[in-house]
Amino acid sequence: MTEETPGFEEKPDVPSGATPDDAEPQAASPSSEEAAAPAGDASDDNAGLVAQLDQVRKALGERTADLQRLQAEYQNYRRRVERDRIAVKEIAIANLLTELLPVLDDIGRAREHGELVGGFKSVAESLETVAAKMGLQQFGKEGEPFDPTIHEALMHSYAPDVTETTCVAILQPGYRFGERTIRPARVAVAEPQPGAQTVKAEETGEAGDDKENGGPDEG
């Protein structure tokens, strides 16, 4: 029997002139087609990611536009509701003040006749103060030009001392609430006397002629 020497392994025969590295099997190098395949897959993956990113951006833009449109609609809704709320409030106050006008007329007549005294005077003044705080404004004065949008003419006459249709007497004061006229002022009006303007024009013309001619002749 042949005894095996421990610690030594048999090595394959190596041809003469060859190095030990030649004895090791060489790894097969990948072919050019196999090397090009991963590069093509990477390009396809990048193109897919770009397409998905474009879709996400497009969807984000659409959602942003929807959100902006909803926000604008909500703001318009809030403004419309606030405008309607103010209009309803103004109508309610105007209706209340309209119901108080006869009472205010009675207070005014009592004041004119000197009957506004004692506790009645205090109550009347408190009521007028509250009405003023709510926005009620009285208008109509003697001597102001007649305006058919805020005046109601109940009496008509002619006067030589007016140059236009003028309120010469306030029969019942008018009231407004904000820009809303609750009741027009009921007035007596006077117009210029017929022929007064012609006479004035003639007098003005004669005076002008006198100045141009050096005045009346003397002697």
N, C-alpha and C. Protein backbone atom coordinates (compact mmCIF):
# COMPACT_ATOMS: atom_id res chain seq x y z
N MET A 1 0.83 -1.20 0.00
CA MET A 1 0.00 0.00 0.00
C MET A 1 0.86 1.24 0.00
N THR A 2 0.35 2.21 -0.69
CA THR A 2 1.10 3.45 -0.75
C THR A 2 0.57 4.38 0.29
N GLU A 3 1.36 4.87 1.09
CA GLU A 3 0.94 5.79 2.15
C GLU A 3 0.89 7.21 1.59
N GLU A 4 -0.23 7.90 1.92
CA GLU A 4 -0.39 9.31 1.48
C GLU A 4 0.22 10.22 2.50
N THR A 5 1.01 11.10 2.02
CA THR A 5 1.66 12.05 2.91
C THR A 5 0.67 13.11 3.31
N PRO A 6 0.41 13.23 4.57
CA PRO A 6 -0.56 14.25 5.02
C PRO A 6 -0.08 15.65 4.70
N GLY A 7 -1.10 16.55 4.33
CA GLY A 7 -0.78 17.96 4.09
C GLY A 7 -0.48 18.27 2.66
N PHE A 8 -0.43 17.27 1.82
CA PHE A 8 -0.15 17.51 0.41
C PHE A 8 -1.31 17.05 -0.41
N GLU A 9 -1.71 17.89 -1.39
CA GLU A 9 -2.79 17.53 -2.30
C GLU A 9 -2.24 17.43 -3.70
N GLU A 10 -2.86 16.61 -4.42
CA GLU A 10 -2.42 16.44 -5.79
C GLU A 10 -2.85 17.62 -6.62
N LYS A 11 -2.00 18.15 -7.45
CA LYS A 11 -2.30 19.27 -8.32
C LYS A 11 -2.41 18.76 -9.74
N PRO A 12 -3.21 19.37 -10.50
CA PRO A 12 -3.33 18.93 -11.90
C PRO A 12 -2.04 19.19 -12.65
N ASP A 13 -1.90 18.38 -13.63
CA ASP A 13 -0.69 18.51 -14.44
C ASP A 13 -0.72 19.82 -15.18
N VAL A 14 0.38 20.52 -15.17
CA VAL A 14 0.50 21.80 -15.84
C VAL A 14 1.47 21.63 -16.97
N PRO A 15 1.10 21.96 -18.15
CA PRO A 15 2.03 21.81 -19.28
C PRO A 15 3.28 22.64 -19.06
N SER A 16 4.30 22.18 -19.63
CA SER A 16 5.56 22.91 -19.49
C SER A 16 5.46 24.23 -20.22
N GLY A 17 6.02 25.24 -19.64
CA GLY A 17 6.01 26.57 -20.23
C GLY A 17 4.79 27.38 -19.88
N ALA A 18 3.91 26.79 -19.11
CA ALA A 18 2.69 27.53 -18.73
C ALA A 18 2.77 27.93 -17.29
N THR A 19 2.18 29.05 -16.98
CA THR A 19 2.17 29.55 -15.60
C THR A 19 1.03 28.92 -14.85
N PRO A 20 1.09 28.98 -13.57
CA PRO A 20 -0.01 28.39 -12.78
C PRO A 20 -1.34 29.09 -13.03
N ASP A 21 -1.31 30.38 -13.38
CA ASP A 21 -2.59 31.07 -13.62
C ASP A 21 -3.31 30.50 -14.82
N ASP A 22 -2.50 29.97 -15.77
CA ASP A 22 -3.14 29.41 -16.97
C ASP A 22 -3.94 28.18 -16.66
N ALA A 23 -3.61 27.60 -15.56
CA ALA A 23 -4.32 26.38 -15.20
C ALA A 23 -5.70 26.69 -14.67
N GLU A 24 -5.96 27.93 -14.16
CA GLU A 24 -7.27 28.26 -13.61
C GLU A 24 -8.23 28.54 -14.75
N PRO A 25 -9.43 28.13 -14.61
CA PRO A 25 -10.41 28.38 -15.69
C PRO A 25 -10.71 29.86 -15.78
N GLN A 26 -10.79 30.41 -16.99
CA GLN A 26 -11.08 31.82 -17.21
C GLN A 26 -12.58 32.03 -17.30
N ALA A 27 -13.02 33.11 -16.64
CA ALA A 27 -14.46 33.42 -16.67
C ALA A 27 -14.83 33.89 -18.05
N ALA A 28 -15.93 33.43 -18.50
CA ALA A 28 -16.37 33.81 -19.85
C ALA A 28 -16.78 35.26 -19.86
N SER A 29 -16.22 36.07 -20.75
CA SER A 29 -16.56 37.50 -20.84
C SER A 29 -17.91 37.65 -21.52
N PRO A 30 -18.74 38.59 -21.03
CA PRO A 30 -20.08 38.75 -21.62
C PRO A 30 -19.97 39.27 -23.04
N SER A 31 -20.89 38.83 -23.81
CA SER A 31 -20.90 39.26 -25.21
C SER A 31 -21.40 40.70 -25.30
N SER A 32 -21.23 41.34 -26.46
CA SER A 32 -21.64 42.74 -26.65
C SER A 32 -23.16 42.87 -26.57
N GLU A 33 -23.92 41.88 -27.06
CA GLU A 33 -25.37 41.94 -26.99
C GLU A 33 -25.85 41.91 -25.55
N GLU A 34 -25.20 41.01 -24.74
CA GLU A 34 -25.60 40.93 -23.34
C GLU A 34 -25.26 42.21 -22.60
N ALA A 35 -24.17 42.93 -22.97
CA ALA A 35 -23.79 44.18 -22.32
C ALA A 35 -24.71 45.31 -22.72
N ALA A 36 -25.20 45.27 -23.93
CA ALA A 36 -26.07 46.36 -24.39
C ALA A 36 -27.48 46.22 -23.85
N ALA A 37 -27.88 45.02 -23.46
CA ALA A 37 -29.25 44.80 -22.98
C ALA A 37 -29.57 45.61 -21.74
N PRO A 38 -28.74 45.63 -20.68
CA PRO A 38 -29.08 46.43 -19.49
C PRO A 38 -29.17 47.91 -19.81
N ALA A 39 -28.36 48.46 -20.70
CA ALA A 39 -28.42 49.87 -21.05
C ALA A 39 -29.77 50.20 -21.68
N GLY A 40 -30.27 49.35 -22.57
CA GLY A 40 -31.57 49.58 -23.19
C GLY A 40 -32.69 49.53 -22.18
N ASP A 41 -32.64 48.63 -21.23
CA ASP A 41 -33.66 48.55 -20.19
C ASP A 41 -33.67 49.80 -19.34
N ALA A 42 -32.48 50.33 -19.03
CA ALA A 42 -32.40 51.55 -18.21
C ALA A 42 -33.03 52.73 -18.94
N SER A 43 -32.82 52.84 -20.26
CA SER A 43 -33.41 53.93 -21.03
C SER A 43 -34.93 53.83 -21.02
N ASP A 44 -35.46 52.62 -21.18
CA ASP A 44 -36.91 52.43 -21.15
C ASP A 44 -37.48 52.80 -19.79
N ASP A 45 -36.76 52.43 -18.73
CA ASP A 45 -37.23 52.76 -17.39
C ASP A 45 -37.27 54.27 -17.18
N ASN A 46 -36.22 54.96 -17.66
CA ASN A 46 -36.18 56.43 -17.52
C ASN A 46 -37.32 57.09 -18.29
N ALA A 47 -37.59 56.60 -19.50
CA ALA A 47 -38.69 57.15 -20.29
C ALA A 47 -40.03 56.95 -19.59
N GLY A 48 -40.19 55.78 -18.99
CA GLY A 48 -41.44 55.52 -18.25
C GLY A 48 -41.58 56.43 -17.05
N LEU A 49 -40.48 56.65 -16.33
CA LEU A 49 -40.53 57.55 -15.17
C LEU A 49 -40.85 58.98 -15.59
N VAL A 50 -40.28 59.43 -16.72
CA VAL A 50 -40.56 60.78 -17.21
C VAL A 50 -42.03 60.92 -17.58
N ALA A 51 -42.57 59.89 -18.24
CA ALA A 51 -43.99 59.93 -18.61
C ALA A 51 -44.88 59.98 -17.37
N GLN A 52 -44.55 59.16 -16.38
CA GLN A 52 -45.33 59.18 -15.14
C GLN A 52 -45.23 60.53 -14.43
N LEU A 53 -44.02 61.13 -14.45
CA LEU A 53 -43.84 62.44 -13.83
C LEU A 53 -44.67 63.50 -14.54
N ASP A 54 -44.73 63.43 -15.87
CA ASP A 54 -45.55 64.38 -16.62
C ASP A 54 -47.02 64.22 -16.28
N GLN A 55 -47.47 62.99 -16.15
CA GLN A 55 -48.86 62.75 -15.78
C GLN A 55 -49.17 63.30 -14.39
N VAL A 56 -48.24 63.10 -13.47
CA VAL A 56 -48.43 63.61 -12.11
C VAL A 56 -48.49 65.13 -12.11
N ARG A 57 -47.58 65.75 -12.87
CA ARG A 57 -47.58 67.22 -12.97
C ARG A 57 -48.88 67.73 -13.57
N LYS A 58 -49.36 67.06 -14.62
CA LYS A 58 -50.62 67.47 -15.24
C LYS A 58 -51.78 67.33 -14.27
N ALA A 59 -51.84 66.22 -13.56
CA ALA A 59 -52.91 66.02 -12.58
C ALA A 59 -52.83 67.06 -11.47
N LEU A 60 -51.60 67.38 -11.04
CA LEU A 60 -51.43 68.39 -9.99
C LEU A 60 -51.89 69.76 -10.47
N GLY A 61 -51.57 70.09 -11.72
CA GLY A 61 -52.03 71.37 -12.27
C GLY A 61 -53.55 71.43 -12.34
N GLU A 62 -54.19 70.32 -12.75
CA GLU A 62 -55.65 70.30 -12.82
C GLU A 62 -56.27 70.44 -11.44
N ARG A 63 -55.70 69.73 -10.46
CA ARG A 63 -56.26 69.83 -9.10
C ARG A 63 -56.06 71.23 -8.53
N THR A 64 -54.90 71.85 -8.86
CA THR A 64 -54.65 73.23 -8.38
C THR A 64 -55.65 74.21 -9.00
N ALA A 65 -55.91 74.04 -10.30
CA ALA A 65 -56.89 74.90 -10.96
C ALA A 65 -58.28 74.71 -10.36
N ASP A 66 -58.64 73.45 -10.07
CA ASP A 66 -59.94 73.19 -9.45
C ASP A 66 -60.04 73.84 -8.08
N LEU A 67 -58.96 73.76 -7.32
CA LEU A 67 -58.95 74.36 -5.99
C LEU A 67 -59.08 75.87 -6.08
N GLN A 68 -58.37 76.49 -7.01
CA GLN A 68 -58.46 77.94 -7.18
C GLN A 68 -59.86 78.35 -7.60
N ARG A 69 -60.48 77.58 -8.49
CA ARG A 69 -61.84 77.89 -8.93
C ARG A 69 -62.83 77.76 -7.76
N LEU A 70 -62.68 76.71 -6.97
CA LEU A 70 -63.56 76.54 -5.82
C LEU A 70 -63.38 77.66 -4.80
N GLN A 71 -62.12 78.08 -4.62
CA GLN A 71 -61.87 79.17 -3.68
C GLN A 71 -62.50 80.47 -4.18
N ALA A 72 -62.40 80.74 -5.47
CA ALA A 72 -63.02 81.95 -6.03
C ALA A 72 -64.54 81.89 -5.90
N GLU A 73 -65.13 80.73 -6.17
CA GLU A 73 -66.57 80.59 -6.04
C GLU A 73 -67.01 80.78 -4.58
N TYR A 74 -66.21 80.27 -3.66
CA TYR A 74 -66.55 80.42 -2.25
C TYR A 74 -66.48 81.88 -1.82
N GLN A 75 -65.46 82.59 -2.30
CA GLN A 75 -65.34 84.01 -1.97
C GLN A 75 -66.52 84.80 -2.54
N ASN A 76 -66.92 84.49 -3.77
CA ASN A 76 -68.09 85.15 -4.36
C ASN A 76 -69.35 84.82 -3.58
N TYR A 77 -69.46 83.59 -3.14
CA TYR A 77 -70.62 83.19 -2.34
C TYR A 77 -70.67 83.95 -1.03
N ARG A 78 -69.52 84.08 -0.39
CA ARG A 78 -69.49 84.81 0.88
C ARG A 78 -69.87 86.28 0.67
N ARG A 79 -69.34 86.90 -0.38
CA ARG A 79 -69.68 88.30 -0.66
C ARG A 79 -71.17 88.45 -0.97
N ARG A 80 -71.71 87.50 -1.73
CA ARG A 80 -73.13 87.57 -2.07
C ARG A 80 -74.00 87.41 -0.82
N VAL A 81 -73.64 86.46 0.04
CA VAL A 81 -74.40 86.26 1.27
C VAL A 81 -74.33 87.49 2.17
N GLU A 82 -73.12 88.08 2.27
CA GLU A 82 -72.97 89.28 3.11
C GLU A 82 -73.78 90.44 2.53
N ARG A 83 -73.75 90.58 1.20
CA ARG A 83 -74.52 91.65 0.56
C ARG A 83 -76.01 91.45 0.78
N ASP A 84 -76.47 90.21 0.66
CA ASP A 84 -77.90 89.93 0.89
C ASP A 84 -78.27 90.16 2.34
N ARG A 85 -77.36 89.81 3.23
CA ARG A 85 -77.66 90.00 4.66
C ARG A 85 -77.80 91.48 4.98
N ILE A 86 -76.91 92.30 4.42
CA ILE A 86 -76.98 93.74 4.66
C ILE A 86 -78.25 94.32 4.05
N ALA A 87 -78.62 93.84 2.84
CA ALA A 87 -79.82 94.35 2.18
C ALA A 87 -81.07 94.00 2.99
N VAL A 88 -81.13 92.78 3.49
CA VAL A 88 -82.30 92.38 4.30
C VAL A 88 -82.37 93.20 5.58
N LYS A 89 -81.22 93.44 6.19
CA LYS A 89 -81.19 94.25 7.41
C LYS A 89 -81.65 95.67 7.14
N GLU A 90 -81.18 96.26 6.03
CA GLU A 90 -81.57 97.63 5.70
C GLU A 90 -83.07 97.71 5.41
N ILE A 91 -83.61 96.71 4.72
CA ILE A 91 -85.05 96.71 4.43
C ILE A 91 -85.86 96.63 5.72
N ALA A 92 -85.41 95.78 6.64
CA ALA A 92 -86.13 95.64 7.91
C ALA A 92 -86.09 96.95 8.70
N ILE A 93 -84.93 97.60 8.75
CA ILE A 93 -84.83 98.87 9.48
C ILE A 93 -85.67 99.94 8.80
N ALA A 94 -85.63 99.98 7.47
CA ALA A 94 -86.41 100.98 6.73
C ALA A 94 -87.91 100.78 6.99
N ASN A 95 -88.37 99.54 7.02
CA ASN A 95 -89.78 99.28 7.29
C ASN A 95 -90.16 99.73 8.71
N LEU A 96 -89.28 99.48 9.66
CA LEU A 96 -89.55 99.90 11.03
C LEU A 96 -89.61 101.43 11.13
N LEU A 97 -88.65 102.10 10.51
CA LEU A 97 -88.64 103.56 10.56
C LEU A 97 -89.85 104.16 9.85
N THR A 98 -90.28 103.50 8.77
CA THR A 98 -91.47 103.98 8.07
C THR A 98 -92.69 103.96 8.98
N GLU A 99 -92.79 102.94 9.80
CA GLU A 99 -93.92 102.85 10.74
C GLU A 99 -93.83 103.93 11.82
N LEU A 100 -92.63 104.42 12.08
CA LEU A 100 -92.46 105.45 13.12
C LEU A 100 -92.70 106.87 12.61
N LEU A 101 -92.77 107.05 11.30
CA LEU A 101 -92.89 108.40 10.75
C LEU A 101 -94.13 109.15 11.25
N PRO A 102 -95.31 108.53 11.31
CA PRO A 102 -96.46 109.27 11.85
C PRO A 102 -96.24 109.76 13.28
N VAL A 103 -95.55 108.95 14.09
CA VAL A 103 -95.27 109.37 15.47
C VAL A 103 -94.32 110.56 15.47
N LEU A 104 -93.32 110.51 14.60
CA LEU A 104 -92.38 111.64 14.52
C LEU A 104 -93.08 112.90 14.00
N ASP A 105 -94.05 112.72 13.09
CA ASP A 105 -94.82 113.88 12.63
C ASP A 105 -95.62 114.50 13.78
N ASP A 106 -96.21 113.66 14.60
CA ASP A 106 -96.96 114.17 15.76
C ASP A 106 -96.03 114.91 16.72
N ILE A 107 -94.83 114.38 16.91
CA ILE A 107 -93.87 115.05 17.78
C ILE A 107 -93.50 116.41 17.21
N GLY A 108 -93.30 116.47 15.89
CA GLY A 108 -92.96 117.73 15.27
C GLY A 108 -94.06 118.77 15.39
N ARG A 109 -95.31 118.36 15.21
CA ARG A 109 -96.42 119.29 15.34
C ARG A 109 -96.58 119.77 16.79
N ALA A 110 -96.37 118.85 17.72
CA ALA A 110 -96.45 119.24 19.13
C ALA A 110 -95.36 120.24 19.47
N ARG A 111 -94.18 120.07 18.89
CA ARG A 111 -93.09 121.01 19.15
C ARG A 111 -93.43 122.39 18.57
N GLU A 112 -94.02 122.41 17.38
CA GLU A 112 -94.38 123.69 16.77
C GLU A 112 -95.43 124.44 17.59
N HIS A 113 -96.32 123.72 18.22
CA HIS A 113 -97.39 124.36 19.00
C HIS A 113 -97.02 124.54 20.48
N GLY A 114 -95.77 124.21 20.82
CA GLY A 114 -95.34 124.40 22.20
C GLY A 114 -95.93 123.40 23.16
N GLU A 115 -96.37 122.25 22.67
CA GLU A 115 -96.99 121.24 23.52
C GLU A 115 -96.01 120.14 23.94
N LEU A 116 -94.77 120.28 23.50
CA LEU A 116 -93.77 119.26 23.83
C LEU A 116 -93.12 119.62 25.16
N VAL A 117 -93.75 119.23 26.27
CA VAL A 117 -93.28 119.59 27.60
C VAL A 117 -93.34 118.38 28.51
N GLY A 118 -92.66 118.49 29.63
CA GLY A 118 -92.73 117.45 30.67
C GLY A 118 -92.20 116.12 30.22
N GLY A 119 -92.86 115.06 30.72
CA GLY A 119 -92.42 113.70 30.39
C GLY A 119 -92.58 113.37 28.93
N PHE A 120 -93.59 113.95 28.28
CA PHE A 120 -93.79 113.71 26.85
C PHE A 120 -92.59 114.21 26.05
N LYS A 121 -92.01 115.33 26.46
CA LYS A 121 -90.84 115.87 25.77
C LYS A 121 -89.66 114.93 25.89
N SER A 122 -89.46 114.38 27.09
CA SER A 122 -88.33 113.47 27.30
C SER A 122 -88.47 112.21 26.45
N VAL A 123 -89.70 111.65 26.43
CA VAL A 123 -89.94 110.44 25.64
C VAL A 123 -89.76 110.73 24.15
N ALA A 124 -90.27 111.88 23.71
CA ALA A 124 -90.17 112.24 22.29
C ALA A 124 -88.72 112.41 21.87
N GLU A 125 -87.94 113.09 22.68
CA GLU A 125 -86.54 113.29 22.33
C GLU A 125 -85.76 111.98 22.33
N SER A 126 -86.11 111.07 23.25
CA SER A 126 -85.45 109.76 23.27
C SER A 126 -85.77 108.97 22.01
N LEU A 127 -87.03 109.05 21.57
CA LEU A 127 -87.43 108.35 20.35
C LEU A 127 -86.70 108.93 19.14
N GLU A 128 -86.60 110.24 19.06
CA GLU A 128 -85.88 110.86 17.94
C GLU A 128 -84.41 110.48 17.96
N THR A 129 -83.82 110.38 19.15
CA THR A 129 -82.40 110.00 19.25
C THR A 129 -82.18 108.58 18.76
N VAL A 130 -83.08 107.67 19.15
CA VAL A 130 -82.96 106.27 18.73
C VAL A 130 -83.11 106.17 17.21
N ALA A 131 -84.09 106.90 16.67
CA ALA A 131 -84.30 106.87 15.21
C ALA A 131 -83.07 107.39 14.48
N ALA A 132 -82.45 108.44 15.01
CA ALA A 132 -81.24 108.99 14.39
C ALA A 132 -80.09 107.99 14.45
N LYS A 133 -79.96 107.27 15.58
CA LYS A 133 -78.91 106.27 15.70
C LYS A 133 -79.11 105.13 14.70
N MET A 134 -80.34 104.84 14.39
CA MET A 134 -80.63 103.78 13.42
C MET A 134 -80.38 104.23 11.99
N GLY A 135 -80.09 105.51 11.79
CA GLY A 135 -79.74 106.01 10.46
C GLY A 135 -80.80 106.87 9.81
N LEU A 136 -81.87 107.23 10.53
CA LEU A 136 -82.91 108.06 9.95
C LEU A 136 -82.45 109.50 9.88
N GLN A 137 -82.60 110.11 8.70
CA GLN A 137 -82.19 111.50 8.50
C GLN A 137 -83.38 112.30 7.96
N GLN A 138 -83.60 113.47 8.55
CA GLN A 138 -84.67 114.34 8.10
C GLN A 138 -84.11 115.36 7.11
N PHE A 139 -84.88 115.69 6.09
CA PHE A 139 -84.42 116.68 5.12
C PHE A 139 -85.61 117.51 4.66
N GLY A 140 -85.29 118.63 4.04
CA GLY A 140 -86.30 119.56 3.55
C GLY A 140 -86.20 120.88 4.29
N LYS A 141 -85.78 121.93 3.58
CA LYS A 141 -85.66 123.26 4.18
C LYS A 141 -86.25 124.30 3.24
N GLU A 142 -86.78 125.33 3.83
CA GLU A 142 -87.31 126.42 3.03
C GLU A 142 -86.18 127.13 2.29
N GLY A 143 -86.45 127.50 1.04
CA GLY A 143 -85.47 128.23 0.25
C GLY A 143 -84.59 127.36 -0.61
N GLU A 144 -84.64 126.03 -0.44
CA GLU A 144 -83.80 125.18 -1.28
C GLU A 144 -84.50 124.91 -2.62
N PRO A 145 -83.74 124.69 -3.68
CA PRO A 145 -84.34 124.44 -4.99
C PRO A 145 -85.22 123.19 -4.97
N PHE A 146 -86.27 123.22 -5.73
CA PHE A 146 -87.18 122.08 -5.81
C PHE A 146 -86.54 120.96 -6.61
N ASP A 147 -86.54 119.76 -6.02
CA ASP A 147 -85.98 118.57 -6.67
C ASP A 147 -87.07 117.50 -6.68
N PRO A 148 -87.63 117.18 -7.84
CA PRO A 148 -88.74 116.22 -7.88
C PRO A 148 -88.39 114.83 -7.40
N THR A 149 -87.08 114.50 -7.30
CA THR A 149 -86.70 113.17 -6.83
C THR A 149 -86.81 113.04 -5.31
N ILE A 150 -86.78 114.18 -4.60
CA ILE A 150 -86.87 114.12 -3.14
C ILE A 150 -87.96 115.01 -2.58
N HIS A 151 -88.61 115.82 -3.43
CA HIS A 151 -89.68 116.71 -2.99
C HIS A 151 -90.99 116.33 -3.66
N GLU A 152 -92.05 116.52 -2.93
CA GLU A 152 -93.39 116.35 -3.47
C GLU A 152 -94.14 117.67 -3.31
N ALA A 153 -94.45 118.31 -4.43
CA ALA A 153 -95.09 119.63 -4.39
C ALA A 153 -96.59 119.47 -4.16
N LEU A 154 -97.08 120.02 -3.07
CA LEU A 154 -98.51 119.99 -2.75
C LEU A 154 -99.18 121.33 -3.03
N MET A 155 -98.40 122.40 -3.09
CA MET A 155 -98.93 123.74 -3.36
C MET A 155 -98.01 124.43 -4.35
N HIS A 156 -98.60 125.29 -5.16
CA HIS A 156 -97.83 125.97 -6.20
C HIS A 156 -98.24 127.43 -6.26
N SER A 157 -97.24 128.29 -6.45
CA SER A 157 -97.52 129.73 -6.57
C SER A 157 -96.40 130.38 -7.35
N TYR A 158 -96.55 131.70 -7.59
CA TYR A 158 -95.52 132.48 -8.27
C TYR A 158 -94.98 133.53 -7.31
N ALA A 159 -93.71 133.84 -7.45
CA ALA A 159 -93.09 134.84 -6.59
C ALA A 159 -92.10 135.65 -7.41
N PRO A 160 -92.08 136.97 -7.22
CA PRO A 160 -91.17 137.80 -8.00
C PRO A 160 -89.72 137.73 -7.53
N ASP A 161 -89.50 137.19 -6.33
CA ASP A 161 -88.15 137.22 -5.78
C ASP A 161 -87.41 135.88 -5.93
N VAL A 162 -87.89 134.97 -6.76
CA VAL A 162 -87.19 133.69 -6.98
C VAL A 162 -86.80 133.62 -8.45
N THR A 163 -85.69 132.97 -8.69
CA THR A 163 -85.19 132.82 -10.06
C THR A 163 -85.37 131.41 -10.60
N GLU A 164 -85.80 130.47 -9.75
CA GLU A 164 -86.06 129.09 -10.14
C GLU A 164 -87.14 128.52 -9.23
N THR A 165 -87.63 127.37 -9.57
CA THR A 165 -88.66 126.74 -8.74
C THR A 165 -88.05 126.43 -7.37
N THR A 166 -88.65 127.01 -6.33
CA THR A 166 -88.06 126.97 -5.00
C THR A 166 -89.09 126.48 -3.98
N CYS A 167 -88.58 125.74 -2.97
CA CYS A 167 -89.43 125.31 -1.86
C CYS A 167 -89.59 126.50 -0.91
N VAL A 168 -90.81 127.03 -0.81
CA VAL A 168 -91.04 128.20 0.04
C VAL A 168 -91.65 127.81 1.38
N ALA A 169 -92.13 126.57 1.50
CA ALA A 169 -92.69 126.11 2.77
C ALA A 169 -92.59 124.60 2.83
N ILE A 170 -92.23 124.08 4.01
CA ILE A 170 -92.12 122.64 4.22
C ILE A 170 -93.38 122.20 4.96
N LEU A 171 -94.27 121.55 4.25
CA LEU A 171 -95.52 121.10 4.85
C LEU A 171 -95.33 119.82 5.66
N GLN A 172 -94.41 119.01 5.24
CA GLN A 172 -94.11 117.77 5.96
C GLN A 172 -92.67 117.38 5.62
N PRO A 173 -91.81 117.22 6.61
CA PRO A 173 -90.40 116.94 6.30
C PRO A 173 -90.24 115.57 5.64
N GLY A 174 -89.18 115.46 4.87
CA GLY A 174 -88.86 114.18 4.27
C GLY A 174 -87.86 113.42 5.12
N TYR A 175 -87.79 112.12 4.88
CA TYR A 175 -86.87 111.27 5.64
C TYR A 175 -86.16 110.32 4.68
N ARG A 176 -84.90 110.08 4.99
CA ARG A 176 -84.12 109.11 4.22
C ARG A 176 -83.36 108.20 5.18
N PHE A 177 -83.08 107.00 4.70
CA PHE A 177 -82.28 106.04 5.46
C PHE A 177 -81.13 105.61 4.56
N GLY A 178 -79.94 106.11 4.88
CA GLY A 178 -78.81 105.87 3.99
C GLY A 178 -79.06 106.58 2.67
N GLU A 179 -79.00 105.85 1.57
CA GLU A 179 -79.29 106.42 0.26
C GLU A 179 -80.74 106.18 -0.15
N ARG A 180 -81.52 105.55 0.71
CA ARG A 180 -82.91 105.22 0.40
C ARG A 180 -83.82 106.33 0.92
N THR A 181 -84.66 106.90 0.06
CA THR A 181 -85.62 107.90 0.47
C THR A 181 -86.87 107.19 0.98
N ILE A 182 -87.13 107.32 2.28
CA ILE A 182 -88.30 106.67 2.86
C ILE A 182 -89.56 107.45 2.54
N ARG A 183 -89.47 108.77 2.63
CA ARG A 183 -90.61 109.61 2.29
C ARG A 183 -90.11 110.94 1.75
N PRO A 184 -90.63 111.41 0.61
CA PRO A 184 -90.19 112.70 0.09
C PRO A 184 -90.73 113.84 0.96
N ALA A 185 -90.04 114.95 0.91
CA ALA A 185 -90.51 116.13 1.65
C ALA A 185 -91.69 116.73 0.89
N ARG A 186 -92.76 116.98 1.60
CA ARG A 186 -93.96 117.58 0.99
C ARG A 186 -93.88 119.08 1.21
N VAL A 187 -93.88 119.81 0.09
CA VAL A 187 -93.54 121.22 0.15
C VAL A 187 -94.52 122.06 -0.67
N ALA A 188 -94.46 123.35 -0.42
CA ALA A 188 -95.13 124.35 -1.28
C ALA A 188 -94.03 125.02 -2.08
N VAL A 189 -94.24 125.13 -3.38
CA VAL A 189 -93.20 125.67 -4.26
C VAL A 189 -93.68 126.97 -4.89
N ALA A 190 -92.73 127.78 -5.28
CA ALA A 190 -93.00 129.03 -5.98
C ALA A 190 -92.10 129.10 -7.20
N GLU A 191 -92.68 129.54 -8.29
CA GLU A 191 -91.93 129.73 -9.52
C GLU A 191 -91.74 131.22 -9.78
N PRO A 192 -90.78 131.57 -10.62
CA PRO A 192 -90.62 132.99 -10.95
C PRO A 192 -91.88 133.57 -11.58
N GLN A 193 -92.16 134.81 -11.28
CA GLN A 193 -93.35 135.48 -11.81
C GLN A 193 -93.28 135.52 -13.34
N PRO A 194 -94.34 135.15 -14.02
CA PRO A 194 -94.31 135.21 -15.50
C PRO A 194 -93.99 136.60 -15.98
N GLY A 195 -93.04 136.72 -16.89
CA GLY A 195 -92.63 138.00 -17.43
C GLY A 195 -91.55 138.68 -16.63
N ALA A 196 -91.25 138.19 -15.43
CA ALA A 196 -90.21 138.83 -14.61
C ALA A 196 -88.85 138.70 -15.28
N GLN A 197 -88.57 137.54 -15.86
CA GLN A 197 -87.27 137.34 -16.51
C GLN A 197 -87.13 138.24 -17.72
N THR A 198 -88.23 138.44 -18.45
CA THR A 198 -88.18 139.32 -19.63
C THR A 198 -87.90 140.76 -19.24
N VAL A 199 -88.60 141.20 -18.15
CA VAL A 199 -88.39 142.57 -17.68
C VAL A 199 -86.97 142.77 -17.23
N LYS A 200 -86.43 141.78 -16.51
CA LYS A 200 -85.05 141.90 -16.03
C LYS A 200 -84.08 141.93 -17.20
N ALA A 201 -84.35 141.11 -18.21
CA ALA A 201 -83.46 141.09 -19.37
C ALA A 201 -83.50 142.42 -20.09
N GLU A 202 -84.71 143.01 -20.21
CA GLU A 202 -84.81 144.30 -20.87
C GLU A 202 -84.10 145.39 -20.07
N GLU A 203 -84.26 145.34 -18.73
CA GLU A 203 -83.59 146.33 -17.90
C GLU A 203 -82.08 146.19 -18.01
N THR A 204 -81.61 144.95 -18.05
CA THR A 204 -80.17 144.72 -18.17
C THR A 204 -79.66 145.23 -19.51
N GLY A 205 -80.46 145.01 -20.57
CA GLY A 205 -80.04 145.47 -21.88
C GLY A 205 -80.01 146.98 -21.97
N GLU A 206 -81.01 147.66 -21.37
CA GLU A 206 -81.03 149.11 -21.39
C GLU A 206 -79.85 149.69 -20.62
N ALA A 207 -79.52 149.06 -19.48
CA ALA A 207 -78.38 149.53 -18.70
C ALA A 207 -77.10 149.39 -19.49
N GLY A 208 -76.99 148.31 -20.26
CA GLY A 208 -75.79 148.11 -21.06
C GLY A 208 -75.69 149.14 -22.17
N ASP A 209 -76.83 149.49 -22.76
CA ASP A 209 -76.81 150.49 -23.82
C ASP A 209 -76.41 151.86 -23.27
N ASP A 210 -76.90 152.18 -22.07
CA ASP A 210 -76.54 153.47 -21.47
C ASP A 210 -75.04 153.58 -21.23
N LYS A 211 -74.45 152.45 -20.80
CA LYS A 211 -73.00 152.47 -20.54
C LYS A 211 -72.23 152.65 -21.83
N GLU A 212 -72.69 151.99 -22.90
CA GLU A 212 -71.98 152.09 -24.17
C GLU A 212 -72.10 153.50 -24.73
N ASN A 213 -73.27 154.15 -24.53
CA ASN A 213 -73.47 155.48 -25.09
C ASN A 213 -72.97 156.60 -24.17
N GLY A 214 -72.41 156.23 -23.06
CA GLY A 214 -71.88 157.25 -22.13
C GLY A 214 -72.92 157.83 -21.21
N GLY A 215 -74.09 157.14 -21.11
CA GLY A 215 -75.12 157.62 -20.17
C GLY A 215 -76.04 158.61 -20.84
N PRO A 216 -77.08 159.00 -20.16
CA PRO A 216 -78.05 159.94 -20.73
C PRO A 216 -77.41 161.30 -20.95
N ASP A 217 -77.93 162.02 -21.99
CA ASP A 217 -77.43 163.36 -22.30
C ASP A 217 -77.87 164.36 -21.26
N GLU A 218 -77.02 165.32 -20.98
CA GLU A 218 -77.33 166.37 -20.01
C GLU A 218 -77.55 167.69 -20.73
N GLY A 219 -78.32 168.59 -20.14
CA GLY A 219 -78.52 169.91 -20.71
C GLY A 219 -79.94 170.08 -21.16
